Amino acid sequence: MTEAAGAGAGAAAGADAVLDPELDLEVSRVIAAPRETVWRAWADPRRLEAWWVPAPARCRVAELQLRPGGSFETLISEDGAEFAPHITGCVLAVEEGSRIVWTTALVGGWRPAAQPFVTAEISFADHPQGTLYRARAMHKDPADRAMHDELGFHDGWGTVTRQLAQLVEG
C-alpha cells in the first residue's frame, strides 16, 4: 500500500482534467481492495458515512444521488454536537466504478450555489495491488487553493482516504 499527497501525486491515474498545481490539490493512494469494493464505499451512503469525515467526527449523508445533476449533501458532527452542513453540492459526472465528479458551485438540480468553493474529481483505477484511488480538489483561483491547503486539505483528505482504505481492506 502506498500513499502520495500534493500536486502531481497520482497524475497518471487517467483523469480527464490535467492537474494544475496553481489551482488543484490532490491525494492518492493504492488501496489493497478490488476497485468495485472501493467504489461501493463511495456509492453506498451508509458506507460513505463510515469514512467521509476525519474521526472522531461523524458523518451523515443527507443525499447522495450519483447521477449528473444529482444532489450530494453531507452533514458533520464534531465533539458530539448537532449535525451541521458539511458538503452541499451537485454531482456533475458519474462513470460507474471509475469516476465521480461533484461541485459546490451548484446544488442538486443544477441550481447555482450560494458559496461555490471546490469541484472534486474522485477516480478509481485498477492497480496490480488493488485500486488506485485519487481525489482531486479543483479551485477557481490560487487564493481558494491556498486557503484550502491552509485549512488542512492534505491532513483532512489524507485522513479520510486512510479511513476509506481501512474500511475496505479489512
N, C-alpha and C. Protein backbone atom coordinates (compact mmCIF):
# COMPACT_ATOMS: atom_id res chain seq x y z
N MET A 1 0.85 -1.16 0.00
CA MET A 1 0.00 0.00 0.00
C MET A 1 0.90 1.23 0.00
N THR A 2 0.66 2.15 -0.92
CA THR A 2 1.42 3.38 -0.97
C THR A 2 0.48 4.55 -0.90
N GLU A 3 1.02 5.69 -0.48
CA GLU A 3 0.20 6.90 -0.37
C GLU A 3 1.04 8.07 -0.84
N ALA A 4 0.41 8.98 -1.57
CA ALA A 4 1.08 10.18 -2.01
C ALA A 4 0.12 11.34 -1.87
N ALA A 5 0.64 12.52 -1.59
CA ALA A 5 -0.20 13.70 -1.47
C ALA A 5 0.52 14.87 -2.09
N GLY A 6 -0.26 15.80 -2.64
CA GLY A 6 0.32 17.02 -3.18
C GLY A 6 0.14 17.11 -4.67
N ALA A 7 0.51 18.23 -5.21
CA ALA A 7 0.39 18.47 -6.64
C ALA A 7 1.20 17.43 -7.38
N GLY A 8 0.58 16.77 -8.32
CA GLY A 8 1.27 15.80 -9.14
C GLY A 8 1.10 14.36 -8.67
N ALA A 9 0.72 14.12 -7.44
CA ALA A 9 0.57 12.77 -6.95
C ALA A 9 -0.55 12.07 -7.69
N GLY A 10 -0.24 10.94 -8.28
CA GLY A 10 -1.27 10.16 -8.96
C GLY A 10 -1.74 10.76 -10.27
N ALA A 11 -0.97 11.66 -10.86
CA ALA A 11 -1.40 12.35 -12.07
C ALA A 11 -1.62 11.41 -13.24
N ALA A 12 -1.04 10.21 -13.18
CA ALA A 12 -1.19 9.28 -14.29
C ALA A 12 -2.39 8.36 -14.12
N ALA A 13 -3.31 8.70 -13.24
CA ALA A 13 -4.43 7.81 -12.94
C ALA A 13 -5.49 7.80 -14.02
N GLY A 14 -5.34 8.59 -15.08
CA GLY A 14 -6.29 8.52 -16.18
C GLY A 14 -7.40 9.54 -16.09
N ALA A 15 -7.20 10.61 -15.40
CA ALA A 15 -8.25 11.62 -15.27
C ALA A 15 -8.40 12.40 -16.55
N ASP A 16 -9.60 12.97 -16.73
CA ASP A 16 -9.84 13.81 -17.90
C ASP A 16 -9.12 15.14 -17.77
N ALA A 17 -9.15 15.73 -16.58
CA ALA A 17 -8.54 17.04 -16.37
C ALA A 17 -7.05 16.87 -16.06
N VAL A 18 -6.28 17.84 -16.49
CA VAL A 18 -4.86 17.86 -16.20
C VAL A 18 -4.66 18.62 -14.89
N LEU A 19 -3.83 18.08 -14.01
CA LEU A 19 -3.57 18.73 -12.74
C LEU A 19 -2.93 20.09 -12.97
N ASP A 20 -3.50 21.12 -12.38
CA ASP A 20 -2.95 22.47 -12.43
C ASP A 20 -2.43 22.79 -11.03
N PRO A 21 -1.12 22.79 -10.82
CA PRO A 21 -0.57 22.98 -9.48
C PRO A 21 -0.93 24.33 -8.85
N GLU A 22 -1.34 25.29 -9.65
CA GLU A 22 -1.74 26.59 -9.09
C GLU A 22 -3.18 26.58 -8.58
N LEU A 23 -3.99 25.64 -9.06
CA LEU A 23 -5.40 25.62 -8.72
C LEU A 23 -5.87 24.34 -8.03
N ASP A 24 -5.11 23.27 -8.13
CA ASP A 24 -5.57 21.95 -7.69
C ASP A 24 -4.76 21.40 -6.52
N LEU A 25 -5.43 20.62 -5.71
CA LEU A 25 -4.81 19.84 -4.64
C LEU A 25 -5.24 18.39 -4.85
N GLU A 26 -4.40 17.46 -4.47
CA GLU A 26 -4.71 16.06 -4.75
C GLU A 26 -4.11 15.13 -3.72
N VAL A 27 -4.83 14.07 -3.42
CA VAL A 27 -4.30 12.95 -2.65
C VAL A 27 -4.57 11.69 -3.46
N SER A 28 -3.65 10.74 -3.34
CA SER A 28 -3.87 9.45 -4.00
C SER A 28 -3.28 8.36 -3.12
N ARG A 29 -3.81 7.17 -3.33
CA ARG A 29 -3.36 6.03 -2.53
C ARG A 29 -3.70 4.75 -3.27
N VAL A 30 -2.81 3.79 -3.19
CA VAL A 30 -3.13 2.45 -3.66
C VAL A 30 -3.80 1.74 -2.49
N ILE A 31 -5.03 1.30 -2.72
CA ILE A 31 -5.82 0.63 -1.69
C ILE A 31 -5.86 -0.86 -2.04
N ALA A 32 -5.51 -1.70 -1.09
CA ALA A 32 -5.43 -3.15 -1.30
C ALA A 32 -6.83 -3.77 -1.23
N ALA A 33 -7.65 -3.40 -2.19
CA ALA A 33 -9.01 -3.94 -2.31
C ALA A 33 -9.43 -3.78 -3.77
N PRO A 34 -10.34 -4.63 -4.23
CA PRO A 34 -10.82 -4.51 -5.61
C PRO A 34 -11.51 -3.17 -5.85
N ARG A 35 -11.41 -2.69 -7.07
CA ARG A 35 -12.00 -1.40 -7.43
C ARG A 35 -13.49 -1.36 -7.11
N GLU A 36 -14.22 -2.41 -7.36
CA GLU A 36 -15.66 -2.44 -7.08
C GLU A 36 -15.94 -2.24 -5.59
N THR A 37 -15.11 -2.78 -4.74
CA THR A 37 -15.28 -2.63 -3.29
C THR A 37 -15.05 -1.18 -2.88
N VAL A 38 -14.02 -0.55 -3.44
CA VAL A 38 -13.73 0.85 -3.13
C VAL A 38 -14.86 1.73 -3.68
N TRP A 39 -15.32 1.44 -4.87
CA TRP A 39 -16.44 2.18 -5.46
C TRP A 39 -17.69 2.11 -4.55
N ARG A 40 -18.01 0.91 -4.08
CA ARG A 40 -19.20 0.75 -3.23
C ARG A 40 -19.09 1.57 -1.95
N ALA A 41 -17.86 1.77 -1.45
CA ALA A 41 -17.68 2.58 -0.25
C ALA A 41 -18.02 4.04 -0.51
N TRP A 42 -17.98 4.46 -1.76
CA TRP A 42 -18.43 5.80 -2.15
C TRP A 42 -19.91 5.81 -2.50
N ALA A 43 -20.37 4.78 -3.18
CA ALA A 43 -21.73 4.78 -3.74
C ALA A 43 -22.81 4.43 -2.73
N ASP A 44 -22.48 3.78 -1.63
CA ASP A 44 -23.45 3.39 -0.61
C ASP A 44 -23.41 4.42 0.51
N PRO A 45 -24.49 5.18 0.72
CA PRO A 45 -24.48 6.24 1.74
C PRO A 45 -24.04 5.76 3.12
N ARG A 46 -24.44 4.56 3.55
CA ARG A 46 -24.05 4.07 4.89
C ARG A 46 -22.55 3.81 4.94
N ARG A 47 -21.97 3.31 3.88
CA ARG A 47 -20.52 3.09 3.86
C ARG A 47 -19.79 4.42 3.80
N LEU A 48 -20.29 5.37 3.02
CA LEU A 48 -19.67 6.69 2.93
C LEU A 48 -19.64 7.36 4.31
N GLU A 49 -20.71 7.21 5.06
CA GLU A 49 -20.76 7.79 6.41
C GLU A 49 -19.66 7.25 7.32
N ALA A 50 -19.20 6.03 7.06
CA ALA A 50 -18.21 5.37 7.92
C ALA A 50 -16.81 5.96 7.78
N TRP A 51 -16.54 6.70 6.71
CA TRP A 51 -15.16 7.17 6.50
C TRP A 51 -15.04 8.60 5.98
N TRP A 52 -16.09 9.26 5.57
CA TRP A 52 -16.03 10.51 4.82
C TRP A 52 -15.52 11.72 5.60
N VAL A 53 -15.59 11.72 6.91
CA VAL A 53 -15.04 12.83 7.70
C VAL A 53 -14.00 12.25 8.66
N PRO A 54 -12.97 13.05 9.01
CA PRO A 54 -11.93 12.53 9.91
C PRO A 54 -12.50 12.17 11.30
N ALA A 55 -12.24 10.94 11.72
CA ALA A 55 -12.65 10.52 13.07
C ALA A 55 -11.91 11.37 14.10
N PRO A 56 -12.54 11.68 15.19
CA PRO A 56 -13.76 11.07 15.71
C PRO A 56 -15.05 11.78 15.27
N ALA A 57 -14.94 12.77 14.40
CA ALA A 57 -16.16 13.42 13.89
C ALA A 57 -17.02 12.35 13.21
N ARG A 58 -18.31 12.63 13.13
CA ARG A 58 -19.25 11.69 12.50
C ARG A 58 -19.88 12.35 11.29
N CYS A 59 -20.23 11.53 10.31
CA CYS A 59 -20.85 12.00 9.07
C CYS A 59 -22.25 11.42 8.94
N ARG A 60 -23.12 12.23 8.38
CA ARG A 60 -24.45 11.76 7.98
C ARG A 60 -24.63 12.16 6.53
N VAL A 61 -25.02 11.22 5.69
CA VAL A 61 -25.31 11.52 4.30
C VAL A 61 -26.78 11.91 4.20
N ALA A 62 -27.03 13.18 3.85
CA ALA A 62 -28.41 13.65 3.69
C ALA A 62 -28.95 13.24 2.34
N GLU A 63 -28.11 13.37 1.30
CA GLU A 63 -28.49 12.94 -0.06
C GLU A 63 -27.25 12.54 -0.83
N LEU A 64 -27.37 11.47 -1.59
CA LEU A 64 -26.31 11.02 -2.48
C LEU A 64 -26.99 10.46 -3.72
N GLN A 65 -27.12 11.31 -4.72
CA GLN A 65 -27.76 10.92 -5.97
C GLN A 65 -26.66 10.85 -7.04
N LEU A 66 -26.12 9.66 -7.24
CA LEU A 66 -25.00 9.50 -8.16
C LEU A 66 -25.47 9.47 -9.60
N ARG A 67 -25.81 10.66 -10.08
CA ARG A 67 -26.20 10.88 -11.47
C ARG A 67 -25.95 12.35 -11.77
N PRO A 68 -25.67 12.70 -13.00
CA PRO A 68 -25.47 14.11 -13.33
C PRO A 68 -26.68 14.95 -12.90
N GLY A 69 -26.41 16.01 -12.16
CA GLY A 69 -27.46 16.87 -11.63
C GLY A 69 -27.97 16.44 -10.27
N GLY A 70 -27.50 15.28 -9.79
CA GLY A 70 -27.94 14.77 -8.51
C GLY A 70 -27.36 15.55 -7.34
N SER A 71 -28.03 15.47 -6.23
CA SER A 71 -27.61 16.17 -5.03
C SER A 71 -26.57 15.35 -4.26
N PHE A 72 -25.57 16.04 -3.72
CA PHE A 72 -24.58 15.43 -2.84
C PHE A 72 -24.51 16.30 -1.60
N GLU A 73 -25.10 15.80 -0.50
CA GLU A 73 -25.17 16.57 0.73
C GLU A 73 -24.75 15.71 1.91
N THR A 74 -23.74 16.21 2.65
CA THR A 74 -23.33 15.52 3.87
C THR A 74 -23.37 16.50 5.04
N LEU A 75 -23.54 15.94 6.22
CA LEU A 75 -23.54 16.70 7.47
C LEU A 75 -22.42 16.17 8.35
N ILE A 76 -21.92 17.00 9.25
CA ILE A 76 -20.84 16.60 10.15
C ILE A 76 -21.22 16.93 11.58
N SER A 77 -20.81 16.05 12.49
CA SER A 77 -20.98 16.27 13.93
C SER A 77 -19.61 16.11 14.57
N GLU A 78 -19.17 17.17 15.24
CA GLU A 78 -17.88 17.14 15.92
C GLU A 78 -18.09 17.27 17.42
N ASP A 79 -17.35 16.49 18.19
CA ASP A 79 -17.42 16.54 19.65
C ASP A 79 -18.83 16.35 20.17
N GLY A 80 -19.63 15.52 19.51
CA GLY A 80 -20.97 15.22 19.97
C GLY A 80 -22.00 16.30 19.70
N ALA A 81 -21.62 17.34 18.99
CA ALA A 81 -22.54 18.44 18.69
C ALA A 81 -23.59 17.99 17.68
N GLU A 82 -24.61 18.83 17.50
CA GLU A 82 -25.63 18.59 16.48
C GLU A 82 -24.96 18.48 15.10
N PHE A 83 -25.58 17.75 14.20
CA PHE A 83 -25.08 17.67 12.84
C PHE A 83 -25.26 19.03 12.16
N ALA A 84 -24.24 19.44 11.43
CA ALA A 84 -24.24 20.73 10.72
C ALA A 84 -23.84 20.48 9.27
N PRO A 85 -24.16 21.41 8.36
CA PRO A 85 -23.77 21.23 6.96
C PRO A 85 -22.27 21.02 6.80
N HIS A 86 -21.93 20.11 5.91
CA HIS A 86 -20.53 19.80 5.60
C HIS A 86 -20.29 20.07 4.11
N ILE A 87 -20.90 19.26 3.26
CA ILE A 87 -20.82 19.44 1.80
C ILE A 87 -22.24 19.60 1.28
N THR A 88 -22.46 20.63 0.49
CA THR A 88 -23.72 20.79 -0.23
C THR A 88 -23.34 21.03 -1.68
N GLY A 89 -23.62 20.05 -2.52
CA GLY A 89 -23.16 20.17 -3.90
C GLY A 89 -24.02 19.43 -4.88
N CYS A 90 -23.49 19.35 -6.08
CA CYS A 90 -24.17 18.74 -7.21
C CYS A 90 -23.21 17.78 -7.91
N VAL A 91 -23.70 16.61 -8.23
CA VAL A 91 -22.91 15.65 -8.98
C VAL A 91 -22.90 16.09 -10.45
N LEU A 92 -21.70 16.17 -11.02
CA LEU A 92 -21.56 16.59 -12.42
C LEU A 92 -21.43 15.41 -13.37
N ALA A 93 -20.69 14.39 -12.94
CA ALA A 93 -20.44 13.24 -13.82
C ALA A 93 -20.26 11.98 -12.98
N VAL A 94 -20.71 10.87 -13.52
CA VAL A 94 -20.52 9.58 -12.87
C VAL A 94 -20.19 8.57 -13.97
N GLU A 95 -19.08 7.89 -13.79
CA GLU A 95 -18.71 6.77 -14.65
C GLU A 95 -18.64 5.58 -13.71
N GLU A 96 -19.67 4.77 -13.73
CA GLU A 96 -19.84 3.67 -12.80
C GLU A 96 -18.52 2.90 -12.59
N GLY A 97 -18.10 2.85 -11.34
CA GLY A 97 -16.92 2.09 -10.98
C GLY A 97 -15.60 2.80 -11.21
N SER A 98 -15.60 3.97 -11.87
CA SER A 98 -14.31 4.58 -12.16
C SER A 98 -14.19 6.08 -11.86
N ARG A 99 -15.29 6.82 -11.77
CA ARG A 99 -15.14 8.27 -11.62
C ARG A 99 -16.42 8.92 -11.13
N ILE A 100 -16.24 9.86 -10.19
CA ILE A 100 -17.32 10.72 -9.70
C ILE A 100 -16.77 12.14 -9.70
N VAL A 101 -17.54 13.07 -10.26
CA VAL A 101 -17.17 14.49 -10.21
C VAL A 101 -18.33 15.23 -9.58
N TRP A 102 -18.03 16.04 -8.56
CA TRP A 102 -19.06 16.84 -7.91
C TRP A 102 -18.51 18.24 -7.64
N THR A 103 -19.42 19.17 -7.42
CA THR A 103 -19.02 20.56 -7.19
C THR A 103 -19.89 21.20 -6.13
N THR A 104 -19.32 22.20 -5.46
CA THR A 104 -20.11 23.02 -4.56
C THR A 104 -20.53 24.32 -5.24
N ALA A 105 -20.21 24.45 -6.53
CA ALA A 105 -20.64 25.62 -7.31
C ALA A 105 -22.13 25.53 -7.65
N LEU A 106 -22.66 24.32 -7.58
CA LEU A 106 -24.07 24.06 -7.85
C LEU A 106 -24.62 23.20 -6.73
N VAL A 107 -25.93 23.19 -6.60
CA VAL A 107 -26.60 22.23 -5.73
C VAL A 107 -27.42 21.32 -6.64
N GLY A 108 -28.03 20.30 -6.06
CA GLY A 108 -28.80 19.35 -6.85
C GLY A 108 -29.76 20.04 -7.80
N GLY A 109 -29.95 19.44 -8.96
CA GLY A 109 -30.83 20.00 -9.99
C GLY A 109 -30.18 21.12 -10.78
N TRP A 110 -28.86 21.22 -10.69
CA TRP A 110 -28.08 22.20 -11.45
C TRP A 110 -28.33 23.65 -11.01
N ARG A 111 -28.84 23.85 -9.80
CA ARG A 111 -29.11 25.20 -9.30
C ARG A 111 -27.82 25.84 -8.79
N PRO A 112 -27.61 27.14 -9.02
CA PRO A 112 -26.41 27.81 -8.51
C PRO A 112 -26.35 27.77 -6.99
N ALA A 113 -25.14 27.57 -6.46
CA ALA A 113 -24.93 27.53 -5.02
C ALA A 113 -24.62 28.94 -4.50
N ALA A 114 -24.92 29.15 -3.24
CA ALA A 114 -24.67 30.45 -2.63
C ALA A 114 -23.19 30.74 -2.48
N GLN A 115 -22.40 29.71 -2.13
CA GLN A 115 -20.97 29.93 -1.90
C GLN A 115 -20.15 28.83 -2.55
N PRO A 116 -19.89 28.95 -3.85
CA PRO A 116 -19.08 27.93 -4.52
C PRO A 116 -17.65 27.93 -4.00
N PHE A 117 -17.05 26.74 -3.91
CA PHE A 117 -15.69 26.68 -3.41
C PHE A 117 -14.81 25.69 -4.16
N VAL A 118 -15.34 24.48 -4.42
CA VAL A 118 -14.48 23.43 -4.95
C VAL A 118 -15.26 22.53 -5.90
N THR A 119 -14.54 21.98 -6.85
CA THR A 119 -15.02 20.89 -7.68
C THR A 119 -14.07 19.74 -7.44
N ALA A 120 -14.62 18.56 -7.16
CA ALA A 120 -13.79 17.40 -6.84
C ALA A 120 -13.98 16.31 -7.88
N GLU A 121 -12.87 15.70 -8.23
CA GLU A 121 -12.89 14.54 -9.11
C GLU A 121 -12.31 13.37 -8.34
N ILE A 122 -13.11 12.34 -8.19
CA ILE A 122 -12.70 11.14 -7.47
C ILE A 122 -12.57 10.04 -8.53
N SER A 123 -11.39 9.41 -8.59
CA SER A 123 -11.21 8.36 -9.59
C SER A 123 -10.73 7.07 -8.96
N PHE A 124 -11.10 5.98 -9.62
CA PHE A 124 -10.82 4.62 -9.17
C PHE A 124 -10.25 3.88 -10.38
N ALA A 125 -9.05 3.33 -10.25
CA ALA A 125 -8.45 2.61 -11.38
C ALA A 125 -7.84 1.30 -10.87
N ASP A 126 -7.90 0.28 -11.71
CA ASP A 126 -7.28 -0.98 -11.35
C ASP A 126 -5.78 -0.77 -11.17
N HIS A 127 -5.22 -1.48 -10.22
CA HIS A 127 -3.79 -1.41 -9.92
C HIS A 127 -3.36 -2.84 -9.54
N PRO A 128 -2.13 -3.22 -9.85
CA PRO A 128 -1.70 -4.59 -9.50
C PRO A 128 -1.90 -4.95 -8.03
N GLN A 129 -1.88 -3.96 -7.15
CA GLN A 129 -2.06 -4.22 -5.71
C GLN A 129 -3.47 -3.93 -5.23
N GLY A 130 -4.39 -3.62 -6.14
CA GLY A 130 -5.77 -3.34 -5.76
C GLY A 130 -6.37 -2.22 -6.59
N THR A 131 -6.53 -1.05 -5.97
CA THR A 131 -7.17 0.09 -6.62
C THR A 131 -6.34 1.34 -6.41
N LEU A 132 -6.10 2.07 -7.50
CA LEU A 132 -5.50 3.40 -7.36
C LEU A 132 -6.65 4.36 -7.17
N TYR A 133 -6.72 4.96 -5.98
CA TYR A 133 -7.77 5.91 -5.62
C TYR A 133 -7.15 7.30 -5.65
N ARG A 134 -7.82 8.20 -6.31
CA ARG A 134 -7.32 9.57 -6.38
C ARG A 134 -8.46 10.54 -6.14
N ALA A 135 -8.21 11.55 -5.31
CA ALA A 135 -9.19 12.60 -5.04
C ALA A 135 -8.52 13.94 -5.33
N ARG A 136 -9.06 14.65 -6.29
CA ARG A 136 -8.52 15.95 -6.69
C ARG A 136 -9.53 17.04 -6.38
N ALA A 137 -9.07 18.10 -5.74
CA ALA A 137 -9.91 19.27 -5.45
C ALA A 137 -9.44 20.40 -6.35
N MET A 138 -10.35 20.90 -7.19
CA MET A 138 -10.03 21.96 -8.15
C MET A 138 -10.71 23.25 -7.69
N HIS A 139 -9.96 24.34 -7.75
CA HIS A 139 -10.43 25.63 -7.23
C HIS A 139 -10.46 26.67 -8.34
N LYS A 140 -11.27 27.71 -8.15
CA LYS A 140 -11.45 28.73 -9.19
C LYS A 140 -10.25 29.67 -9.30
N ASP A 141 -9.48 29.82 -8.22
CA ASP A 141 -8.34 30.72 -8.27
C ASP A 141 -7.28 30.27 -7.25
N PRO A 142 -6.06 30.79 -7.38
CA PRO A 142 -4.99 30.40 -6.45
C PRO A 142 -5.31 30.73 -4.99
N ALA A 143 -6.07 31.78 -4.75
CA ALA A 143 -6.41 32.15 -3.37
C ALA A 143 -7.26 31.07 -2.72
N ASP A 144 -8.25 30.54 -3.42
CA ASP A 144 -9.08 29.47 -2.86
C ASP A 144 -8.26 28.20 -2.65
N ARG A 145 -7.37 27.90 -3.59
CA ARG A 145 -6.50 26.73 -3.44
C ARG A 145 -5.64 26.89 -2.19
N ALA A 146 -5.02 28.05 -2.03
CA ALA A 146 -4.16 28.32 -0.87
C ALA A 146 -4.95 28.22 0.43
N MET A 147 -6.17 28.76 0.43
CA MET A 147 -7.00 28.69 1.63
C MET A 147 -7.32 27.24 1.98
N HIS A 148 -7.67 26.45 0.97
CA HIS A 148 -7.99 25.04 1.21
C HIS A 148 -6.77 24.30 1.73
N ASP A 149 -5.62 24.60 1.18
CA ASP A 149 -4.37 24.00 1.64
C ASP A 149 -4.10 24.38 3.10
N GLU A 150 -4.25 25.66 3.42
CA GLU A 150 -4.02 26.15 4.78
C GLU A 150 -5.04 25.59 5.77
N LEU A 151 -6.26 25.33 5.31
CA LEU A 151 -7.28 24.74 6.17
C LEU A 151 -7.00 23.27 6.50
N GLY A 152 -6.00 22.70 5.82
CA GLY A 152 -5.60 21.33 6.12
C GLY A 152 -6.06 20.30 5.11
N PHE A 153 -6.11 20.67 3.84
CA PHE A 153 -6.54 19.73 2.80
C PHE A 153 -5.83 18.38 2.92
N HIS A 154 -4.50 18.39 2.91
CA HIS A 154 -3.76 17.13 2.87
C HIS A 154 -3.99 16.30 4.13
N ASP A 155 -4.07 16.95 5.27
CA ASP A 155 -4.34 16.22 6.50
C ASP A 155 -5.75 15.66 6.48
N GLY A 156 -6.74 16.49 6.16
CA GLY A 156 -8.13 16.05 6.16
C GLY A 156 -8.44 15.02 5.10
N TRP A 157 -8.13 15.35 3.84
CA TRP A 157 -8.43 14.42 2.75
C TRP A 157 -7.53 13.18 2.83
N GLY A 158 -6.30 13.36 3.34
CA GLY A 158 -5.43 12.21 3.55
C GLY A 158 -5.98 11.28 4.61
N THR A 159 -6.49 11.87 5.70
CA THR A 159 -7.08 11.07 6.78
C THR A 159 -8.28 10.28 6.30
N VAL A 160 -9.19 10.91 5.56
CA VAL A 160 -10.37 10.18 5.12
C VAL A 160 -10.01 9.12 4.08
N THR A 161 -8.98 9.36 3.30
CA THR A 161 -8.51 8.34 2.36
C THR A 161 -7.96 7.14 3.13
N ARG A 162 -7.22 7.38 4.20
CA ARG A 162 -6.74 6.27 5.05
C ARG A 162 -7.91 5.53 5.68
N GLN A 163 -8.93 6.29 6.13
CA GLN A 163 -10.11 5.67 6.71
C GLN A 163 -10.84 4.80 5.70
N LEU A 164 -10.93 5.29 4.47
CA LEU A 164 -11.52 4.51 3.38
C LEU A 164 -10.76 3.21 3.19
N ALA A 165 -9.43 3.31 3.13
CA ALA A 165 -8.61 2.11 2.95
C ALA A 165 -8.82 1.12 4.10
N GLN A 166 -8.86 1.63 5.33
CA GLN A 166 -9.07 0.74 6.47
C GLN A 166 -10.42 0.03 6.37
N LEU A 167 -11.44 0.75 5.93
CA LEU A 167 -12.77 0.16 5.80
C LEU A 167 -12.78 -0.98 4.79
N VAL A 168 -12.22 -0.74 3.61
CA VAL A 168 -12.34 -1.73 2.53
C VAL A 168 -11.26 -2.80 2.54
N GLU A 169 -10.13 -2.52 3.19
CA GLU A 169 -9.07 -3.53 3.25
C GLU A 169 -9.31 -4.56 4.35
N GLY A 170 -10.14 -4.18 5.33
CA GLY A 170 -10.38 -5.07 6.48
C GLY A 170 -11.27 -6.21 6.11
